[in-house]
Amino acid sequence: MNTEPRSLHHNLISLPTGKYADDSVSERHDIVLLFDASKANPNGDPDTGNMPRLQPDTLRGLVTDVCLKRKVRNFFSLYNPDASMRSDPPTEGYEIFIRENAVLQQLMESPQIKAIAKDIFTTEYGLTEAQWDGKATKDKKKGKEKKGKQEVESTTDTEQVVALDPAASAVPESAESELGSAVDVKDFRLRAFRDALCRAYFDLRAFGGVTSTEGPLKGSFYGQIRGPLQFSFAESLDRVLQLDATITRCAVASTKEKTGSDGGDSEETGNRTMGRKHLVDYGLYRTQIYFSPAFAAKTHFSYYDLDNFFFALMHMFRDDNAAGRTGMRVVGLVDFQHLSALGNEHAHRLFEQVNAERTDKSIADFGDYPRSLKCYSGSCPEGSVVVAPNNGANAPLVQARKLVWEISECLTTT
């Protein structure tokens, strides 16, 4: 495993004083992401024949959180963190766990994961290979220890170790904990597998996942991995106009299709195949992303990871183009970085400072349905947005970074 210190590739975040790129992110972040779709289907709904998802009462477009996470996963399936083309094997720590045609049990039981878990078990937890293999003896030795003026009999088991907080990263040198309780070595073996999965797979480290199905963590509490990054559903700012187009293909897949299954004429006989394409005319979508440093500490999500995550958000539509998704792009990305882990301002108050809305002229010209990004104007903060007095000076508590902003900041009135 590579132990050399890394530096940020893209410098989209600012490292707090005394922190390094490989340190777990220790402060809260609240993020606003805006993207638009023009003549595209941003997220088809399989329950409605792959029509673009809609909020039924407002007819605003929807994009699920799962869909957006898939874009980030797809980006790291194609590129390394430094933006170079992905090689095989990929950059250490940037494999993708939830990917097409993957068998999760095989990924969790791979020799690579077992090797990482065993290394964590022995070098970081301070246990032995014999304990990892379950070959430790169960001899019980009786000894005496003094507690004040009382002598009590104590029993020790070579297969047992001191109980730890599950969030702790290593076993202390002392064989006794402050609580004086003990747990089976199996608990540490499960923790080692959990940590190994998080270190190998970026999406588990970032978004979490359920790994307690089949495999080494089956039925274990440690298989319920909660990631620090969580998306809300994206919703368009206004109603979207759904379009449904019939398309044809001047070829058929088989002789049976050419002649018709019943031997007679049908709509799809000859050298023609009919199909349909669903899309929205235009929609500007907005989602919020929440980052928890408490969960980042458990999955070891680092500043290096966060910098690469922002870079992936900025470019996630570049190679996601398909026949129904050629008109999608990120038009706004704003990161609010707090000074503390708990946060120095409520997220909703920060989100309210990022605004985008239809211009009066756009409404007059096009009515309910926007046609392009030119129909919108907006604003967002940059720099210190929450400050507190500190020895007569203003100490910044929340910093806003405008990573992407392509929305006009001037209202069009004529």
Protein backbone atom coordinates (compact mmCIF):
# COMPACT_ATOMS: atom_id res chain seq x y z
CA MET A 1 0.00 0.00 0.00
CA ASN A 2 1.34 3.43 -0.94
CA THR A 3 2.27 5.45 2.16
CA GLU A 4 3.84 8.51 0.51
CA PRO A 5 2.03 11.79 1.28
CA ARG A 6 -0.16 13.08 -1.52
CA SER A 7 -1.01 16.60 -2.64
CA LEU A 8 -4.24 17.94 -4.08
CA HIS A 9 -4.49 17.69 -7.85
CA HIS A 10 -7.12 20.36 -8.46
CA ASN A 11 -7.00 22.67 -5.40
CA LEU A 12 -10.77 23.09 -5.38
CA ILE A 13 -10.77 23.14 -1.58
CA SER A 14 -8.61 24.91 0.98
CA LEU A 15 -6.81 22.78 3.55
CA PRO A 16 -7.36 23.98 7.12
CA THR A 17 -4.26 24.97 9.05
CA GLY A 18 -2.27 21.94 10.11
CA LYS A 19 -4.15 19.52 7.85
CA TYR A 20 -2.76 17.38 5.03
CA ALA A 21 -4.38 15.96 1.92
CA ASP A 22 -4.58 12.44 3.38
CA ASP A 23 -6.23 13.54 6.63
CA SER A 24 -9.93 12.81 7.09
CA VAL A 25 -12.08 15.88 6.42
CA SER A 26 -12.86 17.36 9.83
CA GLU A 27 -15.22 20.24 9.02
CA ARG A 28 -18.75 20.34 7.63
CA HIS A 29 -19.52 21.23 4.01
CA ASP A 30 -22.86 22.15 2.45
CA ILE A 31 -22.96 22.15 -1.34
CA VAL A 32 -25.34 23.45 -4.02
CA LEU A 33 -25.25 21.89 -7.50
CA LEU A 34 -27.14 23.24 -10.52
CA PHE A 35 -27.21 21.57 -13.93
CA ASP A 36 -29.38 21.95 -16.99
CA ALA A 37 -30.79 19.62 -19.64
CA SER A 38 -31.62 20.76 -23.15
CA LYS A 39 -33.45 18.35 -25.47
CA ALA A 40 -32.37 15.55 -23.14
CA ASN A 41 -33.76 12.96 -20.77
CA PRO A 42 -31.87 13.57 -17.51
CA ASN A 43 -33.45 10.64 -15.64
CA GLY A 44 -35.98 8.28 -17.20
CA ASP A 45 -38.68 6.65 -15.08
CA PRO A 46 -39.03 2.90 -15.85
CA ASP A 47 -42.59 2.94 -14.46
CA THR A 48 -43.69 5.34 -17.21
CA GLY A 49 -41.88 3.87 -20.21
CA ASN A 50 -38.66 5.82 -19.51
CA MET A 51 -40.36 9.19 -19.72
CA PRO A 52 -38.47 11.96 -17.84
CA ARG A 53 -39.34 11.94 -14.15
CA LEU A 54 -41.89 14.54 -13.05
CA GLN A 55 -43.28 15.86 -9.80
CA PRO A 56 -47.01 15.11 -10.45
CA ASP A 57 -48.54 18.21 -8.86
CA THR A 58 -46.12 20.86 -10.13
CA LEU A 59 -44.87 19.15 -13.33
CA ARG A 60 -41.33 20.03 -12.38
CA GLY A 61 -38.60 17.63 -13.46
CA LEU A 62 -36.92 15.26 -11.00
CA VAL A 63 -33.58 13.49 -10.95
CA THR A 64 -32.93 10.92 -8.22
CA ASP A 65 -29.94 10.95 -5.89
CA VAL A 66 -29.01 7.48 -7.16
CA CYS A 67 -28.77 8.82 -10.72
CA LEU A 68 -26.41 11.63 -9.68
CA LYS A 69 -24.17 9.29 -7.69
CA ARG A 70 -23.99 7.05 -10.76
CA LYS A 71 -22.54 9.98 -12.75
CA VAL A 72 -19.72 10.35 -10.21
CA ARG A 73 -19.07 6.60 -10.23
CA ASN A 74 -18.97 6.62 -14.03
CA PHE A 75 -16.43 9.44 -14.00
CA PHE A 76 -13.99 7.48 -11.85
CA SER A 77 -14.60 4.42 -13.98
CA LEU A 78 -13.05 6.36 -16.87
CA TYR A 79 -10.53 8.71 -15.26
CA ASN A 80 -7.92 8.71 -12.52
CA PRO A 81 -8.03 11.36 -9.80
CA ASP A 82 -5.41 13.42 -11.67
CA ALA A 83 -7.73 13.52 -14.73
CA SER A 84 -5.61 11.11 -16.76
CA MET A 85 -7.27 8.20 -18.55
CA ARG A 86 -7.91 5.35 -16.15
CA SER A 87 -5.44 2.52 -16.39
CA ASP A 88 -5.68 -1.08 -15.26
CA PRO A 89 -5.31 -1.50 -12.35
CA PRO A 90 -6.83 1.86 -11.38
CA THR A 91 -5.35 4.34 -8.94
CA GLU A 92 -5.14 2.87 -5.46
CA GLY A 93 -8.32 3.58 -3.52
CA TYR A 94 -10.37 4.55 -6.57
CA GLU A 95 -11.98 1.32 -7.65
CA ILE A 96 -15.77 1.40 -7.93
CA PHE A 97 -17.83 -1.06 -5.89
CA ILE A 98 -21.32 -0.56 -7.40
CA ARG A 99 -20.66 -1.05 -11.07
CA GLU A 100 -22.34 -2.76 -13.99
CA ASN A 101 -22.42 -6.58 -13.87
CA ALA A 102 -20.48 -6.66 -10.60
CA VAL A 103 -20.95 -9.56 -8.18
CA LEU A 104 -20.56 -7.86 -4.81
CA GLN A 105 -19.72 -11.01 -2.88
CA GLN A 106 -16.80 -11.71 -5.22
CA LEU A 107 -15.51 -8.15 -4.79
CA MET A 108 -15.69 -8.40 -1.01
CA GLU A 109 -13.95 -11.79 -0.94
CA SER A 110 -11.24 -10.90 -3.45
CA PRO A 111 -7.58 -11.60 -2.52
CA GLN A 112 -6.90 -7.86 -2.65
CA ILE A 113 -9.50 -7.03 0.01
CA LYS A 114 -8.38 -9.92 2.22
CA ALA A 115 -4.77 -8.74 2.01
CA ILE A 116 -5.68 -5.15 2.96
CA ALA A 117 -7.91 -6.34 5.82
CA LYS A 118 -5.20 -8.62 7.20
CA ASP A 119 -2.65 -5.80 7.04
CA ILE A 120 -5.01 -3.49 8.97
CA PHE A 121 -5.68 -6.26 11.51
CA THR A 122 -2.02 -6.89 12.25
CA THR A 123 -0.29 -3.53 11.76
CA GLU A 124 -2.98 -1.07 12.90
CA TYR A 125 -4.92 -3.10 15.44
CA GLY A 126 -1.78 -4.73 16.83
CA LEU A 127 -3.10 -8.30 16.67
CA THR A 128 -1.37 -11.41 15.36
CA GLU A 129 -1.68 -13.49 12.22
CA ALA A 130 -2.59 -16.48 14.40
CA GLN A 131 -5.58 -14.55 15.72
CA TRP A 132 -6.54 -13.56 12.16
CA ASP A 133 -6.46 -17.23 11.12
CA GLY A 134 -8.39 -18.30 14.24
CA LYS A 135 -5.54 -20.53 15.42
CA ALA A 136 -5.02 -18.93 18.80
CA THR A 137 -5.42 -21.28 21.72
CA LYS A 138 -8.23 -20.93 24.18
CA ASP A 139 -6.15 -21.65 27.25
CA LYS A 140 -7.47 -19.77 30.23
CA LYS A 141 -5.02 -18.58 32.76
CA LYS A 142 -5.99 -17.53 36.18
CA GLY A 143 -4.23 -14.68 37.83
CA LYS A 144 -4.77 -12.26 40.58
CA GLU A 145 -4.89 -8.52 40.41
CA LYS A 146 -5.34 -5.97 43.11
CA LYS A 147 -8.13 -3.42 43.09
CA GLY A 148 -7.50 -1.13 46.01
CA LYS A 149 -7.22 -3.44 49.03
CA GLN A 150 -9.29 -6.29 47.54
CA GLU A 151 -7.88 -9.26 45.68
CA VAL A 152 -10.10 -10.64 42.91
CA GLU A 153 -9.67 -13.54 40.56
CA SER A 154 -9.52 -12.62 36.90
CA THR A 155 -9.66 -14.83 33.83
CA THR A 156 -7.94 -13.92 30.56
CA ASP A 157 -8.47 -15.50 27.16
CA THR A 158 -5.84 -15.36 24.45
CA GLU A 159 -8.60 -15.02 21.85
CA GLN A 160 -10.02 -11.92 23.54
CA VAL A 161 -8.83 -8.35 23.30
CA VAL A 162 -9.80 -5.08 24.84
CA ALA A 163 -13.13 -3.56 23.76
CA LEU A 164 -12.81 -0.41 21.72
CA ASP A 165 -14.99 2.32 20.35
CA PRO A 166 -15.89 1.14 16.81
CA ALA A 167 -14.74 4.51 15.45
CA ALA A 168 -11.24 4.05 16.86
CA SER A 169 -8.50 3.21 14.38
CA ALA A 170 -6.11 1.12 16.48
CA VAL A 171 -5.86 -1.02 19.59
CA PRO A 172 -4.10 0.80 22.46
CA GLU A 173 -0.82 -0.56 23.77
CA SER A 174 -2.33 -1.40 27.13
CA ALA A 175 -4.23 -4.66 27.35
CA GLU A 176 -6.82 -3.08 29.62
CA SER A 177 -9.47 -0.52 28.72
CA GLU A 178 -10.92 2.06 31.03
CA LEU A 179 -14.18 0.12 31.02
CA GLY A 180 -12.47 -3.15 31.68
CA SER A 181 -14.59 -5.07 29.12
CA ALA A 182 -13.46 -7.43 26.36
CA VAL A 183 -14.68 -8.52 22.93
CA ASP A 184 -13.86 -11.41 20.65
CA VAL A 185 -11.15 -11.01 18.02
CA LYS A 186 -13.86 -11.65 15.43
CA ASP A 187 -15.11 -8.11 16.03
CA PHE A 188 -11.77 -6.68 14.94
CA ARG A 189 -11.64 -8.98 11.94
CA LEU A 190 -15.00 -7.56 10.80
CA ARG A 191 -13.80 -4.02 11.37
CA ALA A 192 -10.71 -4.74 9.32
CA PHE A 193 -12.82 -5.92 6.39
CA ARG A 194 -15.02 -2.81 6.66
CA ASP A 195 -11.99 -0.52 6.64
CA ALA A 196 -10.42 -2.46 3.77
CA LEU A 197 -13.54 -2.03 1.61
CA CYS A 198 -13.64 1.70 2.33
CA ARG A 199 -9.97 2.12 1.43
CA ALA A 200 -10.24 0.19 -1.84
CA TYR A 201 -13.55 1.56 -3.18
CA PHE A 202 -14.12 5.28 -3.56
CA ASP A 203 -17.92 5.06 -3.77
CA LEU A 204 -18.17 3.13 -0.48
CA ARG A 205 -15.89 5.66 1.17
CA ALA A 206 -17.94 8.57 -0.18
CA PHE A 207 -21.56 7.38 -0.35
CA GLY A 208 -21.61 4.33 1.91
CA GLY A 209 -23.38 1.07 1.07
CA VAL A 210 -24.84 -2.16 2.36
CA THR A 211 -22.16 -4.85 2.51
CA SER A 212 -23.80 -7.06 5.13
CA THR A 213 -25.44 -9.36 2.56
CA GLU A 214 -23.23 -12.17 1.27
CA GLY A 215 -19.54 -12.16 2.02
CA PRO A 216 -17.25 -11.57 5.01
CA LEU A 217 -19.58 -8.98 6.60
CA LYS A 218 -22.80 -10.96 6.25
CA GLY A 219 -25.21 -10.00 9.01
CA SER A 220 -22.66 -7.71 10.66
CA PHE A 221 -23.25 -4.23 12.01
CA TYR A 222 -20.04 -3.15 10.28
CA GLY A 223 -21.61 -3.95 6.91
CA GLN A 224 -23.94 -0.96 7.22
CA ILE A 225 -21.53 1.68 5.92
CA ARG A 226 -22.80 5.27 6.08
CA GLY A 227 -20.96 7.60 3.77
CA PRO A 228 -20.31 11.29 4.46
CA LEU A 229 -21.77 12.53 1.14
CA GLN A 230 -25.53 12.47 0.64
CA PHE A 231 -27.52 13.99 -2.26
CA SER A 232 -31.06 15.26 -2.22
CA PHE A 233 -33.33 14.68 -5.24
CA ALA A 234 -32.68 17.27 -7.94
CA GLU A 235 -35.74 19.26 -8.98
CA SER A 236 -36.14 21.70 -11.85
CA LEU A 237 -36.77 25.32 -10.91
CA ASP A 238 -39.78 25.50 -13.23
CA ARG A 239 -42.16 23.25 -15.11
CA VAL A 240 -40.58 21.19 -17.86
CA LEU A 241 -42.14 20.40 -21.20
CA GLN A 242 -42.01 16.68 -21.96
CA LEU A 243 -41.46 15.73 -25.59
CA ASP A 244 -42.16 12.31 -27.10
CA ALA A 245 -40.79 11.60 -30.57
CA THR A 246 -41.26 8.53 -32.76
CA ILE A 247 -38.07 7.36 -34.46
CA THR A 248 -37.32 4.72 -37.08
CA ARG A 249 -34.40 2.48 -37.94
CA CYS A 250 -33.83 1.48 -41.56
CA ALA A 251 -32.76 -2.06 -40.58
CA VAL A 252 -34.19 -5.02 -38.71
CA ALA A 253 -32.65 -7.47 -36.30
CA SER A 254 -33.83 -10.75 -37.83
CA THR A 255 -35.58 -12.34 -40.81
CA LYS A 256 -38.60 -13.00 -38.63
CA GLU A 257 -38.82 -9.31 -37.82
CA LYS A 258 -38.52 -8.45 -41.55
CA THR A 259 -41.43 -10.63 -42.62
CA GLY A 260 -43.60 -10.23 -39.53
CA SER A 261 -44.17 -12.94 -36.90
CA ASP A 262 -47.50 -13.98 -38.42
CA GLY A 263 -46.25 -13.87 -42.01
CA GLY A 264 -48.40 -10.84 -42.81
CA ASP A 265 -47.87 -7.12 -42.95
CA SER A 266 -47.24 -5.18 -39.71
CA GLU A 267 -45.95 -1.81 -38.67
CA GLU A 268 -42.42 -3.17 -38.31
CA THR A 269 -42.16 -5.22 -41.51
CA GLY A 270 -39.73 -4.44 -44.29
CA ASN A 271 -36.46 -2.77 -43.49
CA ARG A 272 -37.89 -0.51 -40.80
CA THR A 273 -38.05 -0.64 -37.02
CA MET A 274 -40.10 1.81 -34.99
CA GLY A 275 -39.05 3.28 -31.64
CA ARG A 276 -39.66 6.22 -29.32
CA LYS A 277 -37.46 8.84 -27.70
CA HIS A 278 -38.46 10.84 -24.60
CA LEU A 279 -36.91 14.12 -23.49
CA VAL A 280 -37.53 17.50 -21.91
CA ASP A 281 -37.30 20.67 -23.96
CA TYR A 282 -35.30 22.47 -21.26
CA GLY A 283 -34.90 22.29 -17.51
CA LEU A 284 -32.60 23.87 -14.93
CA TYR A 285 -32.20 21.45 -12.02
CA ARG A 286 -30.95 22.06 -8.49
CA THR A 287 -29.80 19.66 -5.77
CA GLN A 288 -28.19 20.01 -2.34
CA ILE A 289 -25.32 17.84 -1.15
CA TYR A 290 -24.61 17.35 2.54
CA PHE A 291 -21.22 16.38 3.92
CA SER A 292 -20.81 14.90 7.42
CA PRO A 293 -17.30 14.93 8.94
CA ALA A 294 -18.45 12.43 11.58
CA PHE A 295 -19.02 9.77 8.91
CA ALA A 296 -15.90 10.88 7.03
CA ALA A 297 -13.87 9.89 10.08
CA LYS A 298 -15.38 6.39 10.01
CA THR A 299 -14.78 5.77 6.29
CA HIS A 300 -11.49 7.76 6.23
CA PHE A 301 -12.76 10.13 3.52
CA SER A 302 -9.89 12.58 3.05
CA TYR A 303 -9.31 16.08 1.72
CA TYR A 304 -7.71 14.40 -1.28
CA ASP A 305 -11.01 12.57 -1.89
CA LEU A 306 -13.08 15.72 -1.45
CA ASP A 307 -10.96 17.66 -3.94
CA ASN A 308 -11.38 14.85 -6.48
CA PHE A 309 -15.13 14.64 -5.77
CA PHE A 310 -15.61 18.30 -6.66
CA PHE A 311 -13.61 17.78 -9.84
CA ALA A 312 -15.83 14.81 -10.75
CA LEU A 313 -18.98 16.90 -10.18
CA MET A 314 -17.69 19.60 -12.51
CA HIS A 315 -17.00 17.12 -15.33
CA MET A 316 -19.43 14.25 -14.73
CA PHE A 317 -21.52 14.95 -17.85
CA ARG A 318 -18.54 15.15 -20.22
CA ASP A 319 -18.46 11.44 -21.04
CA ASP A 320 -22.04 10.66 -20.02
CA ASN A 321 -23.34 11.68 -23.42
CA ALA A 322 -25.85 9.35 -25.05
CA ALA A 323 -28.59 9.73 -27.62
CA GLY A 324 -30.89 11.12 -24.91
CA ARG A 325 -28.33 12.97 -22.79
CA THR A 326 -26.28 15.15 -25.13
CA GLY A 327 -27.52 18.46 -23.71
CA MET A 328 -26.52 18.27 -20.05
CA ARG A 329 -23.91 20.34 -18.21
CA VAL A 330 -23.07 21.69 -14.76
CA VAL A 331 -23.85 25.41 -14.58
CA GLY A 332 -23.49 26.07 -10.85
CA LEU A 333 -21.42 24.55 -8.03
CA VAL A 334 -21.05 26.35 -4.70
CA ASP A 335 -19.33 24.92 -1.63
CA PHE A 336 -19.92 26.29 1.86
CA GLN A 337 -17.02 25.23 4.10
CA HIS A 338 -17.63 25.55 7.85
CA LEU A 339 -14.97 26.07 10.47
CA SER A 340 -16.22 23.30 12.79
CA ALA A 341 -17.42 19.71 12.47
CA LEU A 342 -20.92 20.47 13.76
CA GLY A 343 -21.27 23.47 11.46
CA ASN A 344 -21.41 27.21 12.11
CA GLU A 345 -24.71 27.95 10.34
CA HIS A 346 -27.84 26.04 9.42
CA ALA A 347 -27.59 24.52 5.95
CA HIS A 348 -30.93 25.92 4.76
CA ARG A 349 -29.82 29.48 5.52
CA LEU A 350 -26.71 28.98 3.44
CA PHE A 351 -28.67 27.40 0.58
CA GLU A 352 -31.00 30.42 0.53
CA GLN A 353 -28.04 32.58 -0.47
CA VAL A 354 -27.74 30.74 -3.80
CA ASN A 355 -30.49 32.08 -6.07
CA ALA A 356 -31.57 31.47 -9.65
CA GLU A 357 -34.91 32.50 -11.11
CA ARG A 358 -36.68 33.28 -14.36
CA THR A 359 -36.34 36.80 -15.72
CA ASP A 360 -39.48 38.85 -16.35
CA LYS A 361 -38.69 39.05 -20.05
CA SER A 362 -38.34 35.28 -20.28
CA ILE A 363 -41.74 34.77 -18.66
CA ALA A 364 -43.30 37.32 -21.00
CA ASP A 365 -41.74 35.71 -24.08
CA PHE A 366 -42.08 32.01 -23.32
CA GLY A 367 -44.71 31.65 -20.60
CA ASP A 368 -44.52 28.66 -18.24
CA TYR A 369 -41.72 26.81 -19.99
CA PRO A 370 -38.11 28.12 -20.08
CA ARG A 371 -36.11 27.52 -23.25
CA SER A 372 -32.46 27.97 -22.25
CA LEU A 373 -30.13 29.14 -19.50
CA LYS A 374 -30.54 32.69 -20.85
CA CYS A 375 -34.01 32.65 -19.34
CA TYR A 376 -32.49 32.77 -15.85
CA SER A 377 -30.51 35.15 -13.69
CA GLY A 378 -29.15 34.64 -10.22
CA SER A 379 -26.46 35.24 -7.65
CA CYS A 380 -24.35 33.38 -5.13
CA PRO A 381 -21.90 34.45 -2.42
CA GLU A 382 -18.14 34.08 -2.45
CA GLY A 383 -15.73 34.45 0.44
CA SER A 384 -16.78 34.81 4.07
CA VAL A 385 -20.53 34.52 4.55
CA VAL A 386 -20.69 33.97 8.33
CA VAL A 387 -18.31 35.82 10.64
CA ALA A 388 -17.91 36.18 14.39
CA PRO A 389 -16.07 38.80 16.45
CA ASN A 390 -12.61 37.66 17.46
CA ASN A 391 -10.52 40.12 19.47
CA GLY A 392 -11.98 43.04 17.61
CA ALA A 393 -11.62 41.41 14.17
CA ASN A 394 -14.06 39.40 12.10
CA ALA A 395 -13.26 35.71 12.19
CA PRO A 396 -14.70 33.77 9.21
CA LEU A 397 -16.85 30.83 10.30
CA VAL A 398 -18.23 29.81 6.90
CA GLN A 399 -16.44 30.34 3.60
CA ALA A 400 -18.26 30.12 0.24
CA ARG A 401 -16.40 29.03 -2.90
CA LYS A 402 -17.98 29.57 -6.29
CA LEU A 403 -16.45 26.66 -8.20
CA VAL A 404 -18.80 26.95 -11.21
CA TRP A 405 -21.27 29.73 -12.00
CA GLU A 406 -22.53 30.25 -15.55
CA ILE A 407 -25.88 31.87 -14.69
CA SER A 408 -26.17 35.52 -15.61
CA GLU A 409 -26.00 37.80 -12.57
CA CYS A 410 -27.75 40.66 -14.33
CA LEU A 411 -31.54 40.76 -14.54
CA THR A 412 -32.75 41.29 -18.09
CA THR A 413 -35.54 43.87 -18.15
CA THR A 414 -35.77 44.67 -21.84
